[in-house]
N, C-alpha and C. Protein backbone atom coordinates (compact mmCIF):
# COMPACT_ATOMS: atom_id res chain seq x y z
N MET A 1 154.38 188.27 253.15
CA MET A 1 155.07 189.50 252.80
C MET A 1 154.15 190.41 251.99
N MET A 2 153.50 189.86 250.97
CA MET A 2 152.61 190.64 250.12
C MET A 2 151.40 191.14 250.92
N LEU A 3 150.87 190.27 251.82
CA LEU A 3 149.72 190.67 252.62
C LEU A 3 150.09 191.81 253.56
N GLN A 4 151.30 191.77 254.12
CA GLN A 4 151.75 192.83 255.01
C GLN A 4 151.87 194.15 254.25
N ALA A 5 152.40 194.10 253.03
CA ALA A 5 152.53 195.31 252.21
C ALA A 5 151.15 195.86 251.88
N ARG A 6 150.20 194.98 251.58
CA ARG A 6 148.84 195.41 251.28
C ARG A 6 148.19 196.06 252.49
N LYS A 7 148.42 195.46 253.67
CA LYS A 7 147.85 196.00 254.91
C LYS A 7 148.40 197.40 255.17
N GLN A 8 149.72 197.57 254.99
CA GLN A 8 150.33 198.88 255.20
C GLN A 8 149.79 199.89 254.19
N GLU A 9 149.61 199.47 252.94
CA GLU A 9 149.07 200.35 251.91
C GLU A 9 147.65 200.78 252.27
N ARG A 10 146.84 199.84 252.74
CA ARG A 10 145.46 200.13 253.12
C ARG A 10 145.43 201.09 254.31
N GLU A 11 146.29 200.84 255.32
CA GLU A 11 146.35 201.72 256.49
C GLU A 11 146.77 203.12 256.09
N GLN A 12 147.73 203.22 255.19
CA GLN A 12 148.19 204.52 254.72
C GLN A 12 147.06 205.24 254.00
N TYR A 13 146.32 204.51 253.19
CA TYR A 13 145.20 205.09 252.44
C TYR A 13 144.13 205.61 253.39
N GLU A 14 143.89 204.86 254.47
CA GLU A 14 142.84 205.24 255.41
C GLU A 14 143.23 206.40 256.29
N THR A 15 144.53 206.65 256.48
CA THR A 15 144.93 207.69 257.41
C THR A 15 145.49 208.94 256.75
N GLU A 16 145.99 208.84 255.54
CA GLU A 16 146.60 210.00 254.89
C GLU A 16 145.73 210.50 253.74
N PRO A 17 145.45 211.80 253.73
CA PRO A 17 144.68 212.34 252.61
C PRO A 17 145.48 212.25 251.32
N SER A 18 144.80 212.00 250.24
CA SER A 18 145.46 211.87 248.95
C SER A 18 145.63 213.24 248.29
N GLU A 19 146.77 213.45 247.66
CA GLU A 19 147.02 214.68 246.91
C GLU A 19 146.84 214.42 245.42
N LYS A 20 146.40 213.22 245.06
CA LYS A 20 146.25 212.85 243.67
C LYS A 20 145.09 213.63 243.06
N ILE A 21 145.32 214.22 241.91
CA ILE A 21 144.29 214.99 241.23
C ILE A 21 143.75 214.16 240.07
N ILE A 22 142.45 213.97 240.07
CA ILE A 22 141.81 213.20 239.02
C ILE A 22 140.96 214.16 238.18
N ARG A 23 141.17 214.14 236.88
CA ARG A 23 140.41 215.00 235.98
C ARG A 23 139.19 214.23 235.47
N VAL A 24 138.04 214.87 235.57
CA VAL A 24 136.81 214.28 235.07
C VAL A 24 136.27 215.19 233.98
N LYS A 25 136.00 214.60 232.82
CA LYS A 25 135.53 215.38 231.68
C LYS A 25 134.23 216.11 232.04
N GLY A 26 134.19 217.40 231.70
CA GLY A 26 133.00 218.19 231.95
C GLY A 26 132.98 218.90 233.29
N ILE A 27 133.92 218.57 234.18
CA ILE A 27 133.98 219.22 235.49
C ILE A 27 135.15 220.21 235.46
N PRO A 28 134.90 221.48 235.81
CA PRO A 28 135.98 222.46 235.75
C PRO A 28 137.08 222.18 236.78
N LYS A 29 138.30 222.67 236.48
CA LYS A 29 139.42 222.49 237.40
C LYS A 29 139.15 223.24 238.69
N LEU A 30 139.66 222.70 239.80
CA LEU A 30 139.54 223.38 241.08
C LEU A 30 140.51 224.54 241.15
N THR A 31 140.08 225.60 241.81
CA THR A 31 140.98 226.73 242.04
C THR A 31 141.92 226.35 243.18
N GLU A 32 142.97 227.10 243.35
CA GLU A 32 143.90 226.83 244.45
C GLU A 32 143.19 226.99 245.79
N GLU A 33 142.29 227.96 245.87
CA GLU A 33 141.52 228.17 247.10
C GLU A 33 140.65 226.95 247.42
N GLN A 34 140.01 226.38 246.40
CA GLN A 34 139.20 225.18 246.60
C GLN A 34 140.06 224.00 247.03
N ARG A 35 141.23 223.86 246.42
CA ARG A 35 142.15 222.78 246.82
C ARG A 35 142.58 222.93 248.27
N GLU A 36 142.85 224.16 248.68
CA GLU A 36 143.25 224.42 250.07
C GLU A 36 142.11 224.07 251.02
N ASP A 37 140.89 224.43 250.64
CA ASP A 37 139.72 224.07 251.45
C ASP A 37 139.61 222.56 251.59
N LEU A 38 139.83 221.84 250.51
CA LEU A 38 139.77 220.37 250.55
C LEU A 38 140.89 219.79 251.40
N ARG A 39 142.08 220.37 251.34
CA ARG A 39 143.19 219.91 252.18
C ARG A 39 142.83 220.07 253.66
N LYS A 40 142.26 221.23 254.01
CA LYS A 40 141.87 221.48 255.40
C LYS A 40 140.79 220.49 255.83
N LEU A 41 139.82 220.25 254.96
CA LEU A 41 138.75 219.31 255.27
C LEU A 41 139.31 217.90 255.47
N ALA A 42 140.23 217.49 254.62
CA ALA A 42 140.82 216.15 254.71
C ALA A 42 141.61 215.99 256.00
N ALA A 43 142.16 217.08 256.53
CA ALA A 43 142.96 217.01 257.75
C ALA A 43 142.09 216.94 259.01
N MET A 44 140.81 217.24 258.87
CA MET A 44 139.91 217.23 260.02
C MET A 44 139.44 215.81 260.35
N SER A 45 139.11 215.60 261.63
CA SER A 45 138.49 214.33 262.00
C SER A 45 137.02 214.41 261.63
N ASP A 46 136.35 213.28 261.58
CA ASP A 46 134.93 213.26 261.22
C ASP A 46 134.10 214.10 262.19
N ARG A 47 134.48 214.08 263.47
CA ARG A 47 133.72 214.83 264.48
C ARG A 47 133.83 216.34 264.29
N GLU A 48 134.93 216.79 263.71
CA GLU A 48 135.15 218.23 263.53
C GLU A 48 134.36 218.79 262.35
N ILE A 49 133.93 217.96 261.45
CA ILE A 49 133.25 218.42 260.24
C ILE A 49 131.78 218.69 260.54
N ASP A 50 131.34 219.90 260.23
CA ASP A 50 129.95 220.31 260.45
C ASP A 50 129.08 219.77 259.32
N THR A 51 128.20 218.84 259.65
CA THR A 51 127.31 218.26 258.64
C THR A 51 125.86 218.63 258.91
N SER A 52 125.64 219.68 259.69
CA SER A 52 124.28 220.06 260.07
C SER A 52 123.43 220.49 258.87
N ASP A 53 124.06 220.92 257.78
CA ASP A 53 123.29 221.36 256.61
C ASP A 53 123.03 220.22 255.63
N ILE A 54 123.40 219.00 256.00
CA ILE A 54 123.19 217.84 255.13
C ILE A 54 122.07 217.00 255.73
N PRO A 55 120.98 216.79 255.00
CA PRO A 55 119.87 216.00 255.56
C PRO A 55 120.27 214.53 255.72
N GLU A 56 119.76 213.92 256.79
CA GLU A 56 120.02 212.51 257.04
C GLU A 56 119.25 211.67 256.04
N ILE A 57 119.89 210.67 255.49
CA ILE A 57 119.23 209.77 254.53
C ILE A 57 118.56 208.65 255.31
N THR A 58 117.26 208.52 255.12
CA THR A 58 116.51 207.46 255.80
C THR A 58 115.88 206.49 254.81
N ASN A 59 115.77 206.88 253.56
CA ASN A 59 115.16 206.03 252.54
C ASN A 59 116.27 205.54 251.60
N PHE A 60 116.58 204.26 251.66
CA PHE A 60 117.68 203.72 250.87
C PHE A 60 117.21 202.96 249.63
N THR A 61 115.93 203.08 249.27
CA THR A 61 115.44 202.41 248.07
C THR A 61 116.09 203.06 246.85
N GLY A 62 116.47 202.26 245.92
CA GLY A 62 117.11 202.76 244.71
C GLY A 62 118.62 202.88 244.84
N PHE A 63 119.17 202.67 246.03
CA PHE A 63 120.61 202.71 246.20
C PHE A 63 121.22 201.46 245.60
N GLU A 64 122.37 201.61 245.02
CA GLU A 64 123.07 200.48 244.41
C GLU A 64 124.11 199.97 245.40
N VAL A 65 123.89 198.78 245.93
CA VAL A 65 124.80 198.21 246.92
C VAL A 65 126.17 197.97 246.29
N GLY A 66 127.20 198.43 246.95
CA GLY A 66 128.56 198.21 246.50
C GLY A 66 129.04 199.15 245.41
N LYS A 67 128.26 200.15 245.06
CA LYS A 67 128.66 201.04 243.97
C LYS A 67 129.95 201.78 244.30
N PHE A 68 130.12 202.15 245.55
CA PHE A 68 131.32 202.89 245.94
C PHE A 68 132.23 202.06 246.84
N CYS A 69 132.10 200.77 246.74
CA CYS A 69 132.91 199.86 247.56
C CYS A 69 133.84 199.06 246.67
N ARG A 70 134.61 198.21 247.29
CA ARG A 70 135.52 197.33 246.56
C ARG A 70 134.73 196.44 245.61
N PRO A 71 135.19 196.30 244.39
CA PRO A 71 134.46 195.45 243.43
C PRO A 71 134.34 194.01 243.93
N VAL A 72 133.24 193.40 243.63
CA VAL A 72 133.00 192.01 244.00
C VAL A 72 133.86 191.11 243.12
N LYS A 73 134.50 190.14 243.74
CA LYS A 73 135.31 189.18 242.99
C LYS A 73 134.39 188.12 242.38
N GLN A 74 134.75 187.70 241.19
CA GLN A 74 133.97 186.67 240.50
C GLN A 74 134.93 185.58 240.06
N THR A 75 134.57 184.35 240.31
CA THR A 75 135.39 183.22 239.91
C THR A 75 135.22 182.97 238.42
N VAL A 76 136.35 182.87 237.72
CA VAL A 76 136.32 182.61 236.29
C VAL A 76 137.40 181.59 235.94
N THR A 77 137.26 181.00 234.78
CA THR A 77 138.30 180.12 234.24
C THR A 77 138.95 180.86 233.08
N VAL A 78 140.28 180.97 233.14
CA VAL A 78 141.02 181.72 232.12
C VAL A 78 142.12 180.82 231.56
N ARG A 79 142.30 180.86 230.27
CA ARG A 79 143.39 180.11 229.65
C ARG A 79 144.51 181.10 229.35
N LEU A 80 145.69 180.87 229.95
CA LEU A 80 146.84 181.75 229.79
C LEU A 80 148.00 180.97 229.18
N ASP A 81 148.87 181.69 228.50
CA ASP A 81 150.10 181.07 228.01
C ASP A 81 150.92 180.62 229.21
N ALA A 82 151.57 179.47 229.08
CA ALA A 82 152.32 178.88 230.19
C ALA A 82 153.42 179.82 230.70
N ASP A 83 154.13 180.49 229.78
CA ASP A 83 155.21 181.37 230.23
C ASP A 83 154.66 182.57 231.00
N LEU A 84 153.48 183.05 230.64
CA LEU A 84 152.85 184.15 231.35
C LEU A 84 152.46 183.73 232.76
N LEU A 85 151.87 182.56 232.88
CA LEU A 85 151.48 182.05 234.19
C LEU A 85 152.70 181.82 235.07
N ASN A 86 153.76 181.26 234.51
CA ASN A 86 155.00 181.05 235.27
C ASN A 86 155.56 182.38 235.77
N TRP A 87 155.53 183.40 234.91
CA TRP A 87 156.02 184.72 235.29
C TRP A 87 155.21 185.29 236.46
N LEU A 88 153.89 185.14 236.39
CA LEU A 88 153.04 185.64 237.47
C LEU A 88 153.31 184.89 238.78
N LYS A 89 153.52 183.59 238.68
CA LYS A 89 153.73 182.78 239.88
C LYS A 89 155.12 182.97 240.49
N GLN A 90 156.07 183.52 239.73
CA GLN A 90 157.42 183.73 240.26
C GLN A 90 157.42 184.67 241.47
N GLY A 91 156.43 185.51 241.57
CA GLY A 91 156.34 186.43 242.70
C GLY A 91 155.80 185.79 243.96
N GLY A 92 155.52 184.49 243.92
CA GLY A 92 155.02 183.79 245.10
C GLY A 92 153.51 183.88 245.19
N LYS A 93 153.03 183.73 246.42
CA LYS A 93 151.58 183.77 246.65
C LYS A 93 151.00 185.08 246.15
N GLY A 94 149.75 185.02 245.73
CA GLY A 94 149.06 186.22 245.28
C GLY A 94 149.15 186.48 243.80
N TYR A 95 149.48 185.47 243.02
CA TYR A 95 149.62 185.71 241.57
C TYR A 95 148.29 186.12 240.94
N GLN A 96 147.18 185.63 241.48
CA GLN A 96 145.88 186.01 240.94
C GLN A 96 145.59 187.49 241.25
N SER A 97 145.98 187.93 242.42
CA SER A 97 145.82 189.34 242.78
C SER A 97 146.70 190.22 241.91
N ARG A 98 147.92 189.75 241.61
CA ARG A 98 148.81 190.52 240.72
C ARG A 98 148.21 190.61 239.32
N MET A 99 147.64 189.49 238.85
CA MET A 99 147.02 189.49 237.53
C MET A 99 145.84 190.48 237.52
N ASN A 100 145.05 190.48 238.58
CA ASN A 100 143.92 191.40 238.69
C ASN A 100 144.42 192.85 238.67
N ALA A 101 145.49 193.12 239.40
CA ALA A 101 146.05 194.49 239.46
C ALA A 101 146.55 194.94 238.09
N ILE A 102 147.19 194.03 237.37
CA ILE A 102 147.69 194.36 236.02
C ILE A 102 146.53 194.67 235.09
N LEU A 103 145.49 193.85 235.13
CA LEU A 103 144.33 194.06 234.27
C LEU A 103 143.58 195.34 234.65
N ARG A 104 143.46 195.61 235.96
CA ARG A 104 142.78 196.83 236.40
C ARG A 104 143.54 198.07 235.95
N LYS A 105 144.87 198.04 236.06
CA LYS A 105 145.68 199.18 235.63
C LYS A 105 145.48 199.44 234.14
N GLU A 106 145.48 198.39 233.34
CA GLU A 106 145.26 198.53 231.90
C GLU A 106 143.87 199.09 231.62
N MET A 107 142.87 198.58 232.33
CA MET A 107 141.50 199.07 232.15
C MET A 107 141.42 200.56 232.47
N GLN A 108 142.01 200.97 233.60
CA GLN A 108 141.96 202.37 234.00
C GLN A 108 142.69 203.26 233.01
N GLN A 109 143.81 202.78 232.47
CA GLN A 109 144.54 203.57 231.48
C GLN A 109 143.71 203.76 230.21
N GLN A 110 143.01 202.71 229.79
CA GLN A 110 142.17 202.83 228.59
C GLN A 110 141.00 203.77 228.84
N ILE A 111 140.40 203.70 230.01
CA ILE A 111 139.30 204.61 230.35
C ILE A 111 139.80 206.03 230.40
N TYR A 112 140.98 206.25 231.01
CA TYR A 112 141.55 207.59 231.11
C TYR A 112 141.83 208.17 229.72
N ARG A 113 142.35 207.32 228.80
CA ARG A 113 142.63 207.79 227.45
C ARG A 113 141.36 208.24 226.74
N LYS A 114 140.24 207.57 226.99
CA LYS A 114 138.97 207.94 226.36
C LYS A 114 138.45 209.26 226.92
N VAL A 115 138.68 209.51 228.21
CA VAL A 115 138.21 210.74 228.86
C VAL A 115 139.06 211.93 228.46
N ALA A 116 140.38 211.73 228.40
CA ALA A 116 141.32 212.83 228.12
C ALA A 116 141.25 213.32 226.71
């Protein structure tokens, strides 16, 4: 059940443009015209987008593998309170993924608070 929900979420992410606005410190807000341009661009297929003014990258030295990809999972040993572990496991399979999601959300909130 959880895997199916994740698959649907991933498919939705891959097919629907996001309207979520992320503020980055030091970068000015987009104008409504710029947002409209981005909406139009997001609605286009890859083939429709003119990339002729962008040079092809042929030298990949210095690139950081995985920088813009899903974070690499690392196996760790964690000691948790028994009631916390039981609560996580009540949701069935995927309790480690739920724990990861909870920790990631907290991390992002703390980072956002520092930026804002």
